[in-house]
C-alpha atoms as a PDB file:
ATOM      1  CA  UNK A   1       5.045 -36.073 -19.731  1.00  0.00           C
ATOM      2  CA  UNK A   2       6.578 -35.540 -16.151  1.00  0.00           C
ATOM      3  CA  UNK A   3       6.811 -31.954 -15.385  1.00  0.00           C
ATOM      4  CA  UNK A   4      10.296 -30.791 -14.529  1.00  0.00           C
ATOM      5  CA  UNK A   5      11.524 -27.233 -13.930  1.00  0.00           C
ATOM      6  CA  UNK A   6      12.458 -27.092 -17.576  1.00  0.00           C
ATOM      7  CA  UNK A   7       8.772 -27.638 -18.722  1.00  0.00           C
ATOM      8  CA  UNK A   8       7.727 -24.479 -16.924  1.00  0.00           C
ATOM      9  CA  UNK A   9       7.701 -21.008 -17.872  1.00  0.00           C
ATOM     10  CA  UNK A  10      10.830 -19.037 -17.120  1.00  0.00           C
ATOM     11  CA  UNK A  11      10.741 -17.475 -13.768  1.00  0.00           C
ATOM     12  CA  UNK A  12      10.347 -13.754 -13.437  1.00  0.00           C
ATOM     13  CA  UNK A  13      12.958 -11.439 -14.517  1.00  0.00           C
ATOM     14  CA  UNK A  14      14.698  -8.741 -12.510  1.00  0.00           C
ATOM     15  CA  UNK A  15      12.654  -6.445 -14.660  1.00  0.00           C
ATOM     16  CA  UNK A  16       9.380  -7.608 -12.572  1.00  0.00           C
ATOM     17  CA  UNK A  17      11.027  -6.690  -9.460  1.00  0.00           C
ATOM     18  CA  UNK A  18       7.932  -4.489  -9.100  1.00  0.00           C
ATOM     19  CA  UNK A  19       6.121  -7.512  -8.258  1.00  0.00           C
ATOM     20  CA  UNK A  20       8.699  -8.364  -5.466  1.00  0.00           C
ATOM     21  CA  UNK A  21       7.980  -4.877  -4.064  1.00  0.00           C
ATOM     22  CA  UNK A  22       4.346  -5.335  -3.956  1.00  0.00           C
ATOM     23  CA  UNK A  23       4.899  -8.667  -2.177  1.00  0.00           C
ATOM     24  CA  UNK A  24       7.314  -6.901   0.381  1.00  0.00           C
ATOM     25  CA  UNK A  25       4.422  -4.386   1.391  1.00  0.00           C
ATOM     26  CA  UNK A  26       2.061  -7.523   2.138  1.00  0.00           C
ATOM     27  CA  UNK A  27      -0.578  -6.157   0.255  1.00  0.00           C
ATOM     28  CA  UNK A  28      -4.061  -7.798   1.003  1.00  0.00           C
ATOM     29  CA  UNK A  29      -7.612  -6.980   0.358  1.00  0.00           C
ATOM     30  CA  UNK A  30      -9.635  -6.353   3.684  1.00  0.00           C
ATOM     31  CA  UNK A  31     -13.181  -5.407   4.228  1.00  0.00           C
ATOM     32  CA  UNK A  32     -15.579  -4.733   1.479  1.00  0.00           C
ATOM     33  CA  UNK A  33     -18.718  -2.682   1.909  1.00  0.00           C
ATOM     34  CA  UNK A  34     -21.438  -2.057  -0.557  1.00  0.00           C
ATOM     35  CA  UNK A  35     -23.213   1.415   0.159  1.00  0.00           C
ATOM     36  CA  UNK A  36     -26.471   2.879  -1.078  1.00  0.00           C
ATOM     37  CA  UNK A  37     -26.740   6.693  -0.073  1.00  0.00           C
ATOM     38  CA  UNK A  38     -27.988  10.071  -1.102  1.00  0.00           C
ATOM     39  CA  UNK A  39     -26.108  11.940   1.571  1.00  0.00           C
ATOM     40  CA  UNK A  40     -22.359  12.295   1.859  1.00  0.00           C
ATOM     41  CA  UNK A  41     -20.109   9.651   3.623  1.00  0.00           C
ATOM     42  CA  UNK A  42     -17.044  10.721   5.137  1.00  0.00           C
ATOM     43  CA  UNK A  43     -13.839   8.324   5.386  1.00  0.00           C
ATOM     44  CA  UNK A  44     -11.540   9.817   8.019  1.00  0.00           C
ATOM     45  CA  UNK A  45      -9.094   6.745   9.351  1.00  0.00           C
ATOM     46  CA  UNK A  46      -6.567   7.036   6.661  1.00  0.00           C
ATOM     47  CA  UNK A  47      -7.308   3.575   5.305  1.00  0.00           C
ATOM     48  CA  UNK A  48      -6.299   2.872   1.736  1.00  0.00           C
ATOM     49  CA  UNK A  49      -9.483   2.268  -0.219  1.00  0.00           C
ATOM     50  CA  UNK A  50     -10.840   1.628  -3.548  1.00  0.00           C
ATOM     51  CA  UNK A  51     -14.311   2.731  -4.560  1.00  0.00           C
ATOM     52  CA  UNK A  52     -16.212   1.747  -7.739  1.00  0.00           C
ATOM     53  CA  UNK A  53     -19.421   3.303  -8.466  1.00  0.00           C
ATOM     54  CA  UNK A  54     -22.196   0.824  -9.805  1.00  0.00           C
ATOM     55  CA  UNK A  55     -25.097   3.109 -10.060  1.00  0.00           C
ATOM     56  CA  UNK A  56     -25.604   6.951 -10.371  1.00  0.00           C
ATOM     57  CA  UNK A  57     -22.828   9.593  -9.752  1.00  0.00           C
ATOM     58  CA  UNK A  58     -20.603  10.513  -6.884  1.00  0.00           C
ATOM     59  CA  UNK A  59     -18.344  13.404  -6.358  1.00  0.00           C
ATOM     60  CA  UNK A  60     -15.220  12.375  -4.378  1.00  0.00           C
ATOM     61  CA  UNK A  61     -13.656  15.207  -2.517  1.00  0.00           C
ATOM     62  CA  UNK A  62     -10.285  14.743  -0.937  1.00  0.00           C
ATOM     63  CA  UNK A  63      -9.874  16.679   2.412  1.00  0.00           C
ATOM     64  CA  UNK A  64      -6.343  18.027   1.193  1.00  0.00           C
ATOM     65  CA  UNK A  65      -8.067  19.480  -1.806  1.00  0.00           C
ATOM     66  CA  UNK A  66      -9.535  18.289  -5.160  1.00  0.00           C
ATOM     67  CA  UNK A  67     -12.692  17.009  -6.439  1.00  0.00           C
ATOM     68  CA  UNK A  68     -13.481  13.986  -8.873  1.00  0.00           C
ATOM     69  CA  UNK A  69     -16.734  13.091 -10.410  1.00  0.00           C
ATOM     70  CA  UNK A  70     -17.176   9.317 -10.441  1.00  0.00           C
ATOM     71  CA  UNK A  71     -19.640   8.006 -12.930  1.00  0.00           C
ATOM     72  CA  UNK A  72     -21.066   4.496 -13.133  1.00  0.00           C
ATOM     73  CA  UNK A  73     -18.576   2.022 -13.630  1.00  0.00           C
ATOM     74  CA  UNK A  74     -15.640   4.317 -12.533  1.00  0.00           C
ATOM     75  CA  UNK A  75     -13.197   3.215 -10.061  1.00  0.00           C
ATOM     76  CA  UNK A  76     -11.184   5.483  -7.855  1.00  0.00           C
ATOM     77  CA  UNK A  77      -8.145   4.256  -5.916  1.00  0.00           C
ATOM     78  CA  UNK A  78      -6.963   5.989  -2.847  1.00  0.00           C
ATOM     79  CA  UNK A  79      -3.522   4.350  -2.350  1.00  0.00           C
ATOM     80  CA  UNK A  80      -2.213   6.818   0.140  1.00  0.00           C
ATOM     81  CA  UNK A  81      -5.224   6.669   2.444  1.00  0.00           C
ATOM     82  CA  UNK A  82      -6.114  10.269   2.279  1.00  0.00           C
ATOM     83  CA  UNK A  83      -9.320  11.236   4.164  1.00  0.00           C
ATOM     84  CA  UNK A  84     -12.093  12.027   1.945  1.00  0.00           C
ATOM     85  CA  UNK A  85     -15.644  12.304   1.339  1.00  0.00           C
ATOM     86  CA  UNK A  86     -18.175  10.664  -1.058  1.00  0.00           C
ATOM     87  CA  UNK A  87     -20.930  13.004  -2.076  1.00  0.00           C
ATOM     88  CA  UNK A  88     -23.628  11.304  -4.065  1.00  0.00           C
ATOM     89  CA  UNK A  89     -25.355  13.295  -6.894  1.00  0.00           C
ATOM     90  CA  UNK A  90     -28.762  12.004  -5.837  1.00  0.00           C
ATOM     91  CA  UNK A  91     -29.099   8.420  -4.686  1.00  0.00           C
ATOM     92  CA  UNK A  92     -26.133   6.194  -5.992  1.00  0.00           C
ATOM     93  CA  UNK A  93     -24.578   2.983  -5.063  1.00  0.00           C
ATOM     94  CA  UNK A  94     -21.004   2.047  -4.717  1.00  0.00           C
ATOM     95  CA  UNK A  95     -18.497  -0.732  -3.529  1.00  0.00           C
ATOM     96  CA  UNK A  96     -15.697   0.233  -1.167  1.00  0.00           C
ATOM     97  CA  UNK A  97     -12.845  -1.882  -0.360  1.00  0.00           C
ATOM     98  CA  UNK A  98      -9.903  -1.508   1.909  1.00  0.00           C
ATOM     99  CA  UNK A  99      -6.189  -2.547   1.564  1.00  0.00           C
ATOM    100  CA  UNK A 100      -4.089  -3.892   4.342  1.00  0.00           C
ATOM    101  CA  UNK A 101      -0.329  -3.385   3.991  1.00  0.00           C
ATOM    102  CA  UNK A 102       2.712  -3.440   6.332  1.00  0.00           C
ATOM    103  CA  UNK A 103       2.818   0.222   6.923  1.00  0.00           C
ATOM    104  CA  UNK A 104       6.254   0.733   7.639  1.00  0.00           C
ATOM    105  CA  UNK A 105       7.505  -0.827   4.350  1.00  0.00           C
ATOM    106  CA  UNK A 106       4.744   0.233   2.297  1.00  0.00           C
ATOM    107  CA  UNK A 107       4.813   4.082   3.395  1.00  0.00           C
ATOM    108  CA  UNK A 108       8.121   4.866   1.573  1.00  0.00           C
ATOM    109  CA  UNK A 109       6.945   3.334  -1.651  1.00  0.00           C
ATOM    110  CA  UNK A 110       3.218   4.399  -1.712  1.00  0.00           C
ATOM    111  CA  UNK A 111       3.657   7.887  -0.203  1.00  0.00           C
ATOM    112  CA  UNK A 112       4.376   9.323  -3.523  1.00  0.00           C
ATOM    113  CA  UNK A 113       1.032   8.239  -5.221  1.00  0.00           C
ATOM    114  CA  UNK A 114      -1.445  10.887  -6.140  1.00  0.00           C
ATOM    115  CA  UNK A 115      -4.371  11.207  -3.664  1.00  0.00           C
ATOM    116  CA  UNK A 116      -6.762   9.648  -6.297  1.00  0.00           C
ATOM    117  CA  UNK A 117      -6.136   7.411  -9.268  1.00  0.00           C
ATOM    118  CA  UNK A 118      -9.200   7.167 -11.456  1.00  0.00           C
ATOM    119  CA  UNK A 119      -9.929   4.433 -14.055  1.00  0.00           C
ATOM    120  CA  UNK A 120     -12.915   4.198 -16.574  1.00  0.00           C
ATOM    121  CA  UNK A 121     -13.467   3.980 -20.243  1.00  0.00           C
ATOM    122  CA  UNK A 122     -11.181   2.361 -22.888  1.00  0.00           C
ATOM    123  CA  UNK A 123      -8.504   0.024 -21.779  1.00  0.00           C
ATOM    124  CA  UNK A 124     -10.450  -1.012 -18.623  1.00  0.00           C
ATOM    125  CA  UNK A 125     -12.369  -3.786 -19.890  1.00  0.00           C
ATOM    126  CA  UNK A 126     -11.158  -5.889 -16.705  1.00  0.00           C
ATOM    127  CA  UNK A 127     -12.990  -3.529 -14.443  1.00  0.00           C
ATOM    128  CA  UNK A 128     -16.685  -4.533 -15.056  1.00  0.00           C
ATOM    129  CA  UNK A 129     -15.492  -8.146 -15.116  1.00  0.00           C
ATOM    130  CA  UNK A 130     -13.806  -7.635 -11.860  1.00  0.00           C
ATOM    131  CA  UNK A 131     -16.853  -5.864 -10.210  1.00  0.00           C
ATOM    132  CA  UNK A 132     -19.103  -8.546 -11.520  1.00  0.00           C
ATOM    133  CA  UNK A 133     -16.811 -11.237  -9.873  1.00  0.00           C
ATOM    134  CA  UNK A 134     -16.597  -9.324  -6.698  1.00  0.00           C
ATOM    135  CA  UNK A 135     -20.370  -8.861  -6.389  1.00  0.00           C
ATOM    136  CA  UNK A 136     -20.884 -12.740  -7.090  1.00  0.00           C
ATOM    137  CA  UNK A 137     -18.745 -13.429  -4.129  1.00  0.00           C
ATOM    138  CA  UNK A 138     -20.811 -10.995  -1.805  1.00  0.00           C
ATOM    139  CA  UNK A 139     -24.319 -12.123  -2.755  1.00  0.00           C
ATOM    140  CA  UNK A 140     -24.420 -14.725  -1.346  1.00  0.00           C
ATOM    141  CA  UNK A 141     -21.007 -15.444   0.313  1.00  0.00           C
ATOM    142  CA  UNK A 142     -19.812 -18.962  -0.480  1.00  0.00           C
ATOM    143  CA  UNK A 143     -17.080 -21.126   0.870  1.00  0.00           C
ATOM    144  CA  UNK A 144     -13.746 -19.484   0.191  1.00  0.00           C
ATOM    145  CA  UNK A 145     -15.434 -16.051  -0.459  1.00  0.00           C
ATOM    146  CA  UNK A 146     -13.272 -13.944   1.876  1.00  0.00           C
ATOM    147  CA  UNK A 147     -10.014 -15.382   0.016  1.00  0.00           C
ATOM    148  CA  UNK A 148     -11.635 -14.573  -3.349  1.00  0.00           C
ATOM    149  CA  UNK A 149     -12.539 -11.133  -2.235  1.00  0.00           C
ATOM    150  CA  UNK A 150      -9.021 -10.435  -0.934  1.00  0.00           C
ATOM    151  CA  UNK A 151      -7.518 -11.379  -4.283  1.00  0.00           C
ATOM    152  CA  UNK A 152      -9.905  -9.318  -6.292  1.00  0.00           C
ATOM    153  CA  UNK A 153      -9.153  -6.349  -4.422  1.00  0.00           C
ATOM    154  CA  UNK A 154      -5.429  -7.065  -4.637  1.00  0.00           C
ATOM    155  CA  UNK A 155      -5.985  -6.998  -8.493  1.00  0.00           C
ATOM    156  CA  UNK A 156      -7.858  -3.713  -8.437  1.00  0.00           C
ATOM    157  CA  UNK A 157      -4.832  -2.231  -6.523  1.00  0.00           C
ATOM    158  CA  UNK A 158      -2.416  -3.456  -8.973  1.00  0.00           C
ATOM    159  CA  UNK A 159      -4.588  -2.225 -12.061  1.00  0.00           C
ATOM    160  CA  UNK A 160      -4.729   1.214 -10.284  1.00  0.00           C
ATOM    161  CA  UNK A 161      -0.773   1.259 -10.089  1.00  0.00           C
ATOM    162  CA  UNK A 162      -0.442   0.043 -13.552  1.00  0.00           C
ATOM    163  CA  UNK A 163      -2.816   2.999 -14.732  1.00  0.00           C
ATOM    164  CA  UNK A 164      -0.768   5.632 -12.896  1.00  0.00           C
ATOM    165  CA  UNK A 165       2.462   4.280 -14.311  1.00  0.00           C
ATOM    166  CA  UNK A 166       1.049   4.446 -17.766  1.00  0.00           C
ATOM    167  CA  UNK A 167      -0.575   7.730 -17.343  1.00  0.00           C
ATOM    168  CA  UNK A 168       2.265   9.730 -15.623  1.00  0.00           C
ATOM    169  CA  UNK A 169       4.485  11.924 -17.496  1.00  0.00           C
ATOM    170  CA  UNK A 170       7.527  13.512 -15.553  1.00  0.00           C
ATOM    171  CA  UNK A 171       7.199  11.919 -12.042  1.00  0.00           C
ATOM    172  CA  UNK A 172       8.297  13.434  -8.854  1.00  0.00           C
ATOM    173  CA  UNK A 173      11.079  11.362  -7.126  1.00  0.00           C
ATOM    174  CA  UNK A 174       9.860   8.918  -4.690  1.00  0.00           C
ATOM    175  CA  UNK A 175       9.589   5.429  -3.796  1.00  0.00           C
ATOM    176  CA  UNK A 176       7.397   3.937  -6.845  1.00  0.00           C
ATOM    177  CA  UNK A 177       9.173   6.208  -9.232  1.00  0.00           C
ATOM    178  CA  UNK A 178      12.623   4.526  -8.154  1.00  0.00           C
ATOM    179  CA  UNK A 179      10.713   1.133  -8.188  1.00  0.00           C
ATOM    180  CA  UNK A 180       9.882   1.608 -11.872  1.00  0.00           C
ATOM    181  CA  UNK A 181      13.334   2.129 -12.780  1.00  0.00           C
ATOM    182  CA  UNK A 182      14.475  -1.221 -14.346  1.00  0.00           C
ATOM    183  CA  UNK A 183      18.108  -1.018 -12.799  1.00  0.00           C
ATOM    184  CA  UNK A 184      16.972   0.265  -9.252  1.00  0.00           C
ATOM    185  CA  UNK A 185      13.950  -1.896  -8.793  1.00  0.00           C
ATOM    186  CA  UNK A 186      16.007  -5.243  -8.065  1.00  0.00           C
ATOM    187  CA  UNK A 187      17.934  -3.250  -5.544  1.00  0.00           C
ATOM    188  CA  UNK A 188      15.009  -1.834  -3.775  1.00  0.00           C
ATOM    189  CA  UNK A 189      13.253  -5.283  -3.835  1.00  0.00           C
ATOM    190  CA  UNK A 190      16.350  -6.793  -1.898  1.00  0.00           C
ATOM    191  CA  UNK A 191      16.345  -3.949   0.527  1.00  0.00           C
ATOM    192  CA  UNK A 192      12.575  -4.256   1.352  1.00  0.00           C
ATOM    193  CA  UNK A 193      12.821  -7.913   1.706  1.00  0.00           C
ATOM    194  CA  UNK A 194      15.520  -7.652   4.353  1.00  0.00           C
ATOM    195  CA  UNK A 195      15.925  -4.159   5.618  1.00  0.00           C
ATOM    196  CA  UNK A 196      18.135  -5.435   8.611  1.00  0.00           C
ATOM    197  CA  UNK A 197      20.935  -6.557   6.355  1.00  0.00           C
ATOM    198  CA  UNK A 198      24.261  -4.696   6.166  1.00  0.00           C
ATOM    199  CA  UNK A 199      23.453  -2.991   2.926  1.00  0.00           C
ATOM    200  CA  UNK A 200      26.156  -0.730   1.357  1.00  0.00           C
ATOM    201  CA  UNK A 201      25.820   1.372  -1.696  1.00  0.00           C
ATOM    202  CA  UNK A 202      28.585  -0.802  -3.363  1.00  0.00           C
ATOM    203  CA  UNK A 203      26.401  -4.089  -2.514  1.00  0.00           C
ATOM    204  CA  UNK A 204      23.236  -2.476  -3.889  1.00  0.00           C
ATOM    205  CA  UNK A 205      25.024  -1.063  -6.983  1.00  0.00           C
ATOM    206  CA  UNK A 206      26.172  -4.696  -7.646  1.00  0.00           C
ATOM    207  CA  UNK A 207      22.554  -5.866  -7.550  1.00  0.00           C
ATOM    208  CA  UNK A 208      21.722  -3.095 -10.099  1.00  0.00           C
ATOM    209  CA  UNK A 209      24.590  -3.998 -12.388  1.00  0.00           C
ATOM    210  CA  UNK A 210      25.885  -0.426 -12.046  1.00  0.00           C
ATOM    211  CA  UNK A 211      28.938   1.220 -10.827  1.00  0.00           C
ATOM    212  CA  UNK A 212      28.900   2.646  -7.273  1.00  0.00           C
ATOM    213  CA  UNK A 213      28.846   6.244  -8.479  1.00  0.00           C
ATOM    214  CA  UNK A 214      26.342   5.714 -11.179  1.00  0.00           C
ATOM    215  CA  UNK A 215      24.019   3.994  -8.793  1.00  0.00           C
ATOM    216  CA  UNK A 216      24.016   6.504  -5.949  1.00  0.00           C
ATOM    217  CA  UNK A 217      23.457   9.305  -8.429  1.00  0.00           C
ATOM    218  CA  UNK A 218      20.663   7.475 -10.203  1.00  0.00           C
ATOM    219  CA  UNK A 219      19.080   6.543  -6.864  1.00  0.00           C
ATOM    220  CA  UNK A 220      19.220  10.072  -5.573  1.00  0.00           C
ATOM    221  CA  UNK A 221      17.535  11.360  -8.760  1.00  0.00           C
ATOM    222  CA  UNK A 222      14.707   8.980  -8.712  1.00  0.00           C
ATOM    223  CA  UNK A 223      14.160   8.603  -4.944  1.00  0.00           C
ATOM    224  CA  UNK A 224      15.060  12.127  -3.853  1.00  0.00           C
ATOM    225  CA  UNK A 225      17.319  10.956  -1.080  1.00  0.00           C
ATOM    226  CA  UNK A 226      20.576   9.121  -1.137  1.00  0.00           C
ATOM    227  CA  UNK A 227      20.549   5.236  -0.553  1.00  0.00           C
ATOM    228  CA  UNK A 228      21.805   5.396   2.912  1.00  0.00           C
ATOM    229  CA  UNK A 229      19.012   7.764   3.875  1.00  0.00           C
ATOM    230  CA  UNK A 230      16.335   5.586   2.386  1.00  0.00           C
ATOM    231  CA  UNK A 231      17.497   2.477   4.081  1.00  0.00           C
ATOM    232  CA  UNK A 232      17.740   4.385   7.433  1.00  0.00           C
ATOM    233  CA  UNK A 233      14.209   5.511   6.995  1.00  0.00           C
ATOM    234  CA  UNK A 234      12.881   2.096   5.847  1.00  0.00           C
ATOM    235  CA  UNK A 235      14.563   0.573   8.922  1.00  0.00           C
ATOM    236  CA  UNK A 236      12.765   3.062  11.487  1.00  0.00           C
ATOM    237  CA  UNK A 237       9.430   2.597   9.724  1.00  0.00           C
ATOM    238  CA  UNK A 238       9.880  -1.193   9.773  1.00  0.00           C
ATOM    239  CA  UNK A 239      10.869  -1.039  13.562  1.00  0.00           C
ATOM    240  CA  UNK A 240       7.786   1.307  14.294  1.00  0.00           C
ATOM    241  CA  UNK A 241       5.504  -1.532  12.893  1.00  0.00           C
ATOM    242  CA  UNK A 242       7.354  -3.963  14.976  1.00  0.00           C
ATOM    243  CA  UNK A 243       6.796  -1.912  18.183  1.00  0.00           C
ATOM    244  CA  UNK A 244       3.177  -1.825  17.307  1.00  0.00           C
ATOM    245  CA  UNK A 245       2.580  -5.508  16.351  1.00  0.00           C
ATOM    246  CA  UNK A 246       4.888  -7.507  18.523  1.00  0.00           C
ATOM    247  CA  UNK A 247       6.069  -7.788  22.269  1.00  0.00           C
ATOM    248  CA  UNK A 248       9.732  -7.771  21.349  1.00  0.00           C
ATOM    249  CA  UNK A 249      11.907  -5.396  23.477  1.00  0.00           C
ATOM    250  CA  UNK A 250      13.367  -2.352  21.872  1.00  0.00           C
ATOM    251  CA  UNK A 251      16.928  -3.835  22.051  1.00  0.00           C
ATOM    252  CA  UNK A 252      15.612  -6.906  19.935  1.00  0.00           C
ATOM    253  CA  UNK A 253      13.891  -4.769  17.401  1.00  0.00           C
ATOM    254  CA  UNK A 254      16.876  -2.602  17.281  1.00  0.00           C
ATOM    255  CA  UNK A 255      19.037  -5.498  16.088  1.00  0.00           C
ATOM    256  CA  UNK A 256      16.243  -6.935  13.864  1.00  0.00           C
ATOM    257  CA  UNK A 257      16.228  -3.831  11.799  1.00  0.00           C
ATOM    258  CA  UNK A 258      20.069  -3.636  11.524  1.00  0.00           C
ATOM    259  CA  UNK A 259      21.206  -1.195  14.328  1.00  0.00           C
ATOM    260  CA  UNK A 260      24.387  -2.290  16.205  1.00  0.00           C
ATOM    261  CA  UNK A 261      23.193  -0.816  19.428  1.00  0.00           C
ATOM    262  CA  UNK A 262      19.812   0.206  21.185  1.00  0.00           C
ATOM    263  CA  UNK A 263      21.322   3.757  21.825  1.00  0.00           C
ATOM    264  CA  UNK A 264      21.869   4.426  18.227  1.00  0.00           C
ATOM    265  CA  UNK A 265      18.617   3.061  17.236  1.00  0.00           C
ATOM    266  CA  UNK A 266      16.763   5.149  19.899  1.00  0.00           C
ATOM    267  CA  UNK A 267      18.604   8.301  18.600  1.00  0.00           C
ATOM    268  CA  UNK A 268      17.565   7.541  15.096  1.00  0.00           C
ATOM    269  CA  UNK A 269      14.024   6.711  15.923  1.00  0.00           C
ATOM    270  CA  UNK A 270      13.505   9.869  17.999  1.00  0.00           C
ATOM    271  CA  UNK A 271      15.006  12.145  15.054  1.00  0.00           C
ATOM    272  CA  UNK A 272      12.189  10.688  12.784  1.00  0.00           C
ATOM    273  CA  UNK A 273       9.240  10.222  15.234  1.00  0.00           C
ATOM    274  CA  UNK A 274       9.943  12.913  18.017  1.00  0.00           C
ATOM    275  CA  UNK A 275       9.973  10.271  20.958  1.00  0.00           C
ATOM    276  CA  UNK A 276      12.292   7.628  21.992  1.00  0.00           C
ATOM    277  CA  UNK A 277      10.858   4.222  20.922  1.00  0.00           C
ATOM    278  CA  UNK A 278       9.572   2.958  24.477  1.00  0.00           C
ATOM    279  CA  UNK A 279       7.573   6.282  24.890  1.00  0.00           C
ATOM    280  CA  UNK A 280       6.374   6.218  21.414  1.00  0.00           C
ATOM    281  CA  UNK A 281       5.168   2.646  21.594  1.00  0.00           C
ATOM    282  CA  UNK A 282       3.214   3.404  24.748  1.00  0.00           C
ATOM    283  CA  UNK A 283       1.674   6.557  23.323  1.00  0.00           C
ATOM    284  CA  UNK A 284       0.639   4.859  20.078  1.00  0.00           C
ATOM    285  CA  UNK A 285      -0.863   1.731  21.635  1.00  0.00           C
ATOM    286  CA  UNK A 286      -2.898   3.934  23.927  1.00  0.00           C
ATOM    287  CA  UNK A 287      -4.541   6.254  21.170  1.00  0.00           C
ATOM    288  CA  UNK A 288      -8.330   6.023  21.393  1.00  0.00           C
ATOM    289  CA  UNK A 289      -8.684   4.870  17.826  1.00  0.00           C
ATOM    290  CA  UNK A 290      -6.606   1.730  18.565  1.00  0.00           C
ATOM    291  CA  UNK A 291      -8.642   0.752  21.706  1.00  0.00           C
ATOM    292  CA  UNK A 292     -12.037   1.929  20.891  1.00  0.00           C
ATOM    293  CA  UNK A 293     -14.786  -0.634  20.454  1.00  0.00           C
ATOM    294  CA  UNK A 294     -16.505  -0.610  16.992  1.00  0.00           C
ATOM    295  CA  UNK A 295     -19.546   1.357  16.917  1.00  0.00           C
ATOM    296  CA  UNK A 296     -22.893   0.370  15.453  1.00  0.00           C
ATOM    297  CA  UNK A 297     -23.438  -0.684  11.733  1.00  0.00           C
ATOM    298  CA  UNK A 298     -24.688   1.742   9.205  1.00  0.00           C
ATOM    299  CA  UNK A 299     -28.195   0.121   8.043  1.00  0.00           C
ATOM    300  CA  UNK A 300     -27.336   1.026   4.451  1.00  0.00           C
ATOM    301  CA  UNK A 301     -23.930  -0.742   4.435  1.00  0.00           C
ATOM    302  CA  UNK A 302     -23.228  -4.171   4.428  1.00  0.00           C
ATOM    303  CA  UNK A 303     -19.601  -5.385   5.017  1.00  0.00           C
ATOM    304  CA  UNK A 304     -17.657  -8.722   4.461  1.00  0.00           C
ATOM    305  CA  UNK A 305     -14.244  -8.993   6.373  1.00  0.00           C
ATOM    306  CA  UNK A 306     -11.659 -10.692   4.405  1.00  0.00           C
ATOM    307  CA  UNK A 307      -9.099 -12.956   5.986  1.00  0.00           C
ATOM    308  CA  UNK A 308      -5.966 -10.635   6.345  1.00  0.00           C
ATOM    309  CA  UNK A 309      -3.655  -9.711   8.922  1.00  0.00           C
ATOM    310  CA  UNK A 310      -1.184  -6.878   8.053  1.00  0.00           C
ATOM    311  CA  UNK A 311      -1.718  -3.440   9.560  1.00  0.00           C
ATOM    312  CA  UNK A 312      -4.507  -1.346   8.402  1.00  0.00           C
ATOM    313  CA  UNK A 313      -2.833   1.872   7.471  1.00  0.00           C
END
């Protein structure tokens, strides 16, 4: 039988706008490392990471506070990129994978995650299967391994978010809290897909199928700020990403993110980042960690870079 659109499953509903939001942050799996160590290993560069212990026990300590014991088969997702240390209890082995996102779009959504999300035990039958598949792509690497590794890491990240959404009770206002609201998520997905559009509360309320007043109140309760403030923050963070990853002029970037003039954009940018965009761009691009040559390899760590291009933040 010839396949026509009617033969296929129904397209995703607006209720799965959470998937659209994940696509908007351009989530990709990055470098994977397998570590065997009996001494602490520090992670300080604010990269979003996942660790899965495959042998022994490791105490994960977040710099901002808090310790978590990871036993064999436990996964820890650090979706905010908090600096932390892995402290093995004796010799232990674990896999670490990094996530690449478009920082300016991702930060307003992922910034309200807890420092660590742990997964183990009942309901996580997918985890050992994922780890087994990941290891099979590492030893030895086969054609297409980089793409496979990237996809497996993406699945681990999504599973971590699902676990968080299932376990949380009363959430603090923030990006993911609002994204989980079935009415707000389609509007958020639309804004994230095109932050430079002329968004109004009325237009967004129409996407959410709510009245203007109900949408504005619901958005503020779930996000913690009004829609206009969120849109401005998203535009500024998206602009910051463009300043770092493109050669476009400030005027071009200002227009791309929805500002009518370079002057109004510069004022808004300085209010959030403390410097005008041109000065901020020069300062950020000249930071040592952006220009430093990578150092030597740890003899106990093997790494496999995955093919991905978004910012490592």
